[in-house]
Protein backbone atom coordinates (compact mmCIF):
# COMPACT_ATOMS: atom_id res chain seq x y z
CA MET A 1 -34.41 -23.68 17.99
CA ALA A 2 -30.71 -23.93 17.13
CA LYS A 3 -29.32 -21.47 14.64
CA ARG A 4 -28.62 -22.89 11.21
CA VAL A 5 -25.00 -22.40 10.11
CA LEU A 6 -24.34 -22.39 6.38
CA SER A 7 -21.47 -24.63 5.31
CA ALA A 8 -18.57 -23.27 3.26
CA GLY A 9 -19.91 -25.04 0.17
CA VAL A 10 -23.36 -23.56 0.60
CA VAL A 11 -21.92 -20.06 1.05
CA LEU A 12 -19.82 -20.34 -2.11
CA ALA A 13 -22.73 -21.77 -4.07
CA ALA A 14 -24.91 -18.88 -2.93
CA ALA A 15 -22.21 -16.42 -3.94
CA VAL A 16 -22.02 -17.89 -7.44
CA LEU A 17 -25.81 -17.75 -7.82
CA LEU A 18 -25.75 -14.10 -6.78
CA GLY A 19 -23.05 -13.22 -9.28
CA GLY A 20 -20.00 -13.40 -7.00
CA CYS A 21 -16.75 -15.19 -7.72
CA PHE A 22 -14.74 -15.20 -4.50
CA VAL A 23 -13.15 -18.39 -3.18
CA MET A 24 -12.69 -20.06 0.20
CA GLY A 25 -9.26 -19.56 1.74
CA PRO A 26 -7.47 -21.55 4.43
CA GLY A 27 -8.48 -19.14 7.21
CA PRO A 28 -6.45 -17.96 10.22
CA LEU A 29 -3.24 -19.89 10.88
CA ALA A 30 -1.03 -20.20 13.94
CA THR A 31 1.97 -19.36 11.76
CA TYR A 32 1.83 -17.57 8.41
CA SER A 33 4.29 -17.97 5.55
CA VAL A 34 4.93 -15.78 2.51
CA GLN A 35 2.49 -16.75 -0.25
CA ALA A 36 3.36 -16.72 -3.94
CA GLN A 37 1.73 -13.92 -5.93
CA PRO A 38 0.63 -13.92 -9.60
CA PRO A 39 3.45 -13.67 -12.19
CA PRO A 40 4.94 -10.21 -12.84
CA GLY A 41 2.86 -8.13 -15.23
CA SER A 42 -0.05 -10.58 -15.27
CA CYS A 43 -2.53 -8.41 -13.33
CA HIS A 44 -4.13 -5.14 -14.46
CA TYR A 45 -6.10 -2.44 -12.69
CA THR A 46 -9.41 -1.03 -13.86
CA TYR A 47 -10.18 2.56 -12.91
CA ILE A 48 -13.48 4.29 -12.25
CA GLY A 49 -12.30 7.87 -12.17
CA THR A 50 -9.39 7.81 -9.71
CA PHE A 51 -10.72 4.73 -7.92
CA PRO A 52 -8.86 1.47 -8.64
CA LEU A 53 -10.38 -1.98 -8.91
CA PRO A 54 -8.27 -5.15 -8.81
CA ASP A 55 -7.98 -7.68 -11.61
CA PRO A 56 -10.70 -10.28 -10.91
CA ALA A 57 -8.56 -13.00 -12.48
CA CYS A 58 -5.79 -12.29 -9.94
CA THR A 59 -7.76 -11.00 -6.97
CA PRO A 60 -11.35 -12.31 -6.92
CA GLY A 61 -11.45 -12.24 -3.12
CA ALA A 62 -11.26 -15.07 -0.60
CA ILE A 63 -13.24 -15.63 2.59
CA SER A 64 -12.25 -17.33 5.82
CA PRO A 65 -13.95 -20.62 6.82
CA ALA A 66 -13.65 -19.42 10.43
CA VAL A 67 -16.34 -16.74 9.96
CA ASN A 68 -20.01 -17.29 9.14
CA GLN A 69 -23.28 -15.46 9.67
CA ALA A 70 -24.03 -17.26 12.95
CA ASP A 71 -20.77 -16.34 14.69
CA VAL A 72 -20.19 -12.72 13.63
CA GLY A 73 -20.82 -11.64 17.23
CA SER A 74 -17.78 -13.58 18.44
CA THR A 75 -15.57 -12.91 15.41
CA ILE A 76 -15.74 -9.84 13.19
CA CYS A 77 -17.99 -7.88 15.56
CA ALA A 78 -15.80 -8.58 18.60
CA GLY A 79 -13.10 -6.11 19.58
CA GLY A 80 -9.57 -7.23 18.77
CA TYR A 81 -10.57 -10.02 16.39
CA THR A 82 -8.87 -8.71 13.26
CA ALA A 83 -5.63 -7.92 15.11
CA SER A 84 -5.55 -11.49 16.42
CA ILE A 85 -5.54 -13.04 12.93
CA ARG A 86 -3.58 -10.48 10.89
CA PRO A 87 -0.35 -11.82 9.32
CA PRO A 88 2.88 -10.15 10.51
CA VAL A 89 4.70 -7.51 8.49
CA SER A 90 7.55 -9.97 7.91
CA VAL A 91 5.09 -11.93 5.76
CA THR A 92 3.05 -9.15 4.16
CA GLU A 93 5.95 -6.89 3.11
CA PRO A 94 7.55 -9.40 0.69
CA GLU A 95 4.06 -10.29 -0.52
CA LYS A 96 3.36 -6.61 -1.17
CA ASP A 97 6.58 -6.32 -3.19
CA ALA A 98 5.59 -9.34 -5.30
CA SER A 99 2.04 -8.02 -5.73
CA ALA A 100 3.48 -4.74 -7.04
CA LEU A 101 5.40 -6.70 -9.66
CA ALA A 102 2.26 -8.66 -10.57
CA TYR A 103 0.24 -5.46 -11.03
CA GLY A 104 3.08 -3.44 -12.56
CA TYR A 105 2.75 -0.93 -9.73
CA THR A 106 5.70 1.47 -9.44
CA GLY A 107 4.10 4.28 -7.45
CA SER A 108 4.65 5.24 -3.82
CA PHE A 109 4.64 2.38 -1.34
CA GLU A 110 3.96 4.93 1.39
CA THR A 111 0.42 5.54 0.11
CA ALA A 112 -0.40 2.18 -1.52
CA GLU A 113 -2.07 -0.35 0.78
CA TYR A 114 -1.51 -4.11 0.65
CA ASP A 115 -5.23 -4.59 0.86
CA HIS A 116 -7.55 -7.46 1.73
CA LEU A 117 -10.20 -7.16 -1.00
CA ILE A 118 -12.69 -8.76 1.39
CA PRO A 119 -11.41 -7.19 4.61
CA LEU A 120 -10.77 -9.10 7.80
CA GLU A 121 -13.68 -7.27 9.43
CA LEU A 122 -15.99 -8.85 6.83
CA GLY A 123 -14.59 -12.37 7.12
CA GLY A 124 -11.92 -12.06 4.46
CA ASP A 125 -9.14 -14.62 4.45
CA PRO A 126 -6.02 -13.27 6.19
CA ASN A 127 -3.31 -14.45 3.79
CA ASP A 128 -4.78 -16.03 0.66
CA ALA A 129 -3.11 -14.39 -2.38
CA LYS A 130 -6.52 -14.28 -4.08
CA ASN A 131 -7.69 -11.85 -1.40
CA LEU A 132 -4.71 -9.48 -1.42
CA TRP A 133 -3.57 -6.80 -3.88
CA ILE A 134 -1.48 -3.68 -3.84
CA GLU A 135 -4.11 -0.93 -3.91
CA PRO A 136 -3.10 2.47 -5.36
CA ASN A 137 -4.49 5.33 -3.33
CA ASP A 138 -7.53 6.98 -4.93
CA ASN A 139 -6.45 10.32 -3.41
CA PRO A 140 -3.58 11.79 -5.48
CA ASN A 141 -2.67 14.00 -2.49
CA ALA A 142 -2.53 11.13 -0.01
CA THR A 143 0.23 11.02 2.58
CA SER A 144 -0.70 7.65 4.09
CA THR A 145 -2.34 4.39 3.04
CA SER A 146 -5.78 5.58 4.21
CA ASN A 147 -8.21 5.53 1.29
CA SER A 148 -11.88 5.54 0.37
CA LYS A 149 -12.23 1.75 0.46
CA ASP A 150 -11.35 1.84 4.17
CA VAL A 151 -14.44 3.99 4.78
CA LEU A 152 -16.61 1.44 2.99
CA GLU A 153 -15.13 -1.44 4.98
CA ASN A 154 -16.03 0.20 8.28
CA ARG A 155 -19.53 1.02 7.06
CA LEU A 156 -20.23 -2.54 5.90
CA ASN A 157 -18.92 -3.95 9.18
CA ASP A 158 -21.33 -1.67 11.05
CA LEU A 159 -24.23 -2.81 8.86
CA VAL A 160 -23.43 -6.50 9.31
CA CYS A 161 -22.90 -6.22 13.05
CA SER A 162 -26.16 -4.30 13.50
CA GLY A 163 -28.05 -6.91 11.48
CA GLN A 164 -29.03 -4.52 8.68
CA ILE A 165 -27.40 -6.61 5.94
CA SER A 166 -26.06 -10.16 5.83
CA LEU A 167 -22.39 -11.08 5.88
CA LEU A 168 -22.70 -12.63 2.42
CA THR A 169 -24.28 -9.46 1.01
CA ALA A 170 -21.37 -7.39 2.30
CA GLN A 171 -18.77 -9.84 0.98
CA LEU A 172 -20.34 -9.90 -2.46
CA ALA A 173 -20.67 -6.13 -2.63
CA ILE A 174 -17.08 -5.30 -1.77
CA SER A 175 -15.48 -8.10 -3.80
CA SER A 176 -17.46 -7.55 -7.01
CA ASN A 177 -17.03 -3.75 -7.29
CA TRP A 178 -16.10 -1.80 -4.19
CA VAL A 179 -16.63 1.56 -5.93
CA THR A 180 -20.27 0.74 -6.71
CA ALA A 181 -20.66 -0.61 -3.17
CA TYR A 182 -19.32 2.67 -1.78
CA GLN A 183 -21.97 4.61 -3.67
CA GLN A 184 -24.70 2.25 -2.44
CA TYR A 185 -23.75 1.99 1.22
CA VAL A 186 -21.77 5.19 1.95
CA GLY A 187 -22.87 7.80 -0.59
CA ALA A 188 -21.29 9.99 -3.24
CA LEU A 189 -17.68 9.27 -4.04
CA PRO A 190 -15.08 11.77 -2.82
CA THR A 191 -14.17 14.41 -5.39
CA GLY A 192 -11.14 16.54 -6.06
CA ALA A 193 -9.16 14.87 -8.85
CA PRO A 194 -10.12 14.47 -12.50
CA PRO A 195 -10.45 10.92 -13.85
CA PRO A 196 -7.13 9.65 -15.19
CA THR A 197 -8.68 8.92 -18.57
CA SER A 198 -10.20 12.41 -19.13
CA SER A 199 -8.39 14.33 -21.89
CA PRO A 200 -5.71 11.62 -22.21
CA PHE A 201 -2.24 12.87 -23.07
CA CYS A 202 1.36 11.75 -23.07
CA SER A 203 4.75 13.14 -23.99
CA ALA A 204 7.91 11.20 -24.71
CA SER A 205 11.60 11.85 -25.19
CA ALA A 206 14.45 9.50 -26.08
CA SER A 207 18.10 9.60 -25.08
CA PRO A 208 20.99 7.17 -25.62
CA SER A 209 21.28 4.57 -22.90
CA ASN A 210 24.34 4.50 -20.67
CA ASP A 211 24.88 0.78 -21.22
CA GLY A 212 27.72 1.19 -23.71
CA TYR A 213 25.77 -0.21 -26.67
CA SER A 214 25.13 1.93 -29.73
CA GLY A 215 21.46 1.88 -30.75
CA ASP A 216 20.12 1.44 -27.23
CA TYR A 217 17.85 4.24 -26.04
CA ASP A 218 15.86 5.16 -22.94
CA VAL A 219 12.39 6.54 -23.67
CA GLN A 220 11.02 8.71 -20.87
CA ILE A 221 7.22 8.90 -20.90
CA GLN A 222 5.02 11.35 -18.98
CA SER A 223 1.23 11.01 -19.06
CA ASN A 224 -2.02 11.36 -17.12
CA GLN A 225 -2.49 7.57 -17.37
CA PRO A 226 -1.36 6.11 -14.02
CA ASN A 227 -0.73 2.36 -13.66
CA GLN A 228 -1.36 1.64 -17.34
CA LEU A 229 0.47 -0.39 -19.96
CA ALA A 230 2.85 1.74 -22.03
CA THR A 231 4.43 0.54 -25.28
CA ALA A 232 7.19 2.11 -27.37
CA THR A 233 7.48 0.89 -30.96
CA ASP A 234 10.11 1.53 -33.62
CA ALA A 235 10.05 0.24 -37.21
CA THR A 236 10.55 -3.40 -36.22
CA ASP A 237 10.10 -3.99 -32.48
CA SER A 238 8.06 -3.01 -29.42
CA TRP A 239 8.99 -2.70 -25.76
CA SER A 240 6.57 -2.24 -22.86
CA GLY A 241 6.30 -1.23 -19.21
CA TYR A 242 3.72 0.10 -16.77
CA THR A 243 3.35 3.70 -15.69
CA ASP A 244 3.62 4.54 -12.00
CA GLY A 245 1.01 6.33 -9.91
CA SER A 246 1.89 9.65 -11.54
CA GLY A 247 1.67 8.30 -15.11
CA SER A 248 5.44 8.11 -15.74
CA VAL A 249 7.63 5.28 -16.98
CA ASP A 250 11.04 4.76 -18.61
CA ILE A 251 11.27 2.09 -21.32
CA GLY A 252 14.48 0.71 -22.77
CA LEU A 253 14.78 0.28 -26.57
CA TYR A 254 17.46 -1.83 -28.19
CA PHE A 255 19.06 -1.80 -31.66
CA THR A 256 17.22 1.36 -32.71
CA SER A 257 18.66 3.59 -35.44
CA PRO A 258 19.45 7.25 -34.65
CA GLY A 259 16.61 9.50 -35.85
CA GLU A 260 14.15 6.62 -36.07
CA GLN A 261 10.55 7.52 -35.17
CA ILE A 262 9.19 5.90 -32.02
CA ALA A 263 5.44 5.59 -31.50
CA VAL A 264 4.22 5.50 -27.90
CA SER A 265 0.88 4.31 -26.56
CA VAL A 266 0.04 4.56 -22.86
CA GLY A 267 -3.45 3.74 -21.64
CA ALA A 268 -5.78 5.86 -23.77
CA ALA A 269 -3.02 8.28 -24.88
CA THR A 270 -0.57 8.26 -27.81
CA CYS A 271 2.47 10.34 -28.67
CA THR A 272 5.72 10.12 -30.66
CA THR A 273 9.40 10.91 -30.32
CA ALA A 274 12.59 10.24 -32.24
CA ALA A 275 15.71 8.31 -31.28
């Protein structure tokens, strides 16, 4: 009896019924081009401890129409497959820069991965913007882009290729909440760093800007709230930015009076300073 191959529409319908929300991408292309990313500042991380999750509105995940359950043996389970469809650095580097702007990421690019939410080894689309995000490293002592999600990706590929779970199950698990999937399929999460939201704190200081305009100030903020929205407010106006991977950000204030109190909120922390 011939194997039954699920169509793209059937796969997406099944994903929706099972609580997933990923989309179908264009699949591998002979030539890739730089894809537009979401607008700057429009995407926001969620953290479980030190482990980042992407914004589902920006990065729900996208799968490739070239991979289905019936052909995993000749695609994702075959040596060299992912390398054969991976976009070149000339395409992914400008996309990574634009993704950082979309997510407000200002941390180290040496440790942040431009990540396929549904990885290529699980049939993720190679270059759909809905499947790619700049992923902060969950290890604060990282010296490379290697991270805990990579471990999960390899484990799920092994499970799919050995027939222990279906391709759709793996795609749903990693796209809906990769941290929960790690706990289910790998085990306990790595430890070593406190959650960024435990005992939230921030400190702020203001100094006159060097732009030649009286009343303009730079507010330097330090916190334990990495990659979070920070807002500085004087008596009449507010200005915002996003902290980097270490919880720091500088925000410019304009037309502020000397001595005026400035209230700062950053993630779950608040503090004050004076112009």
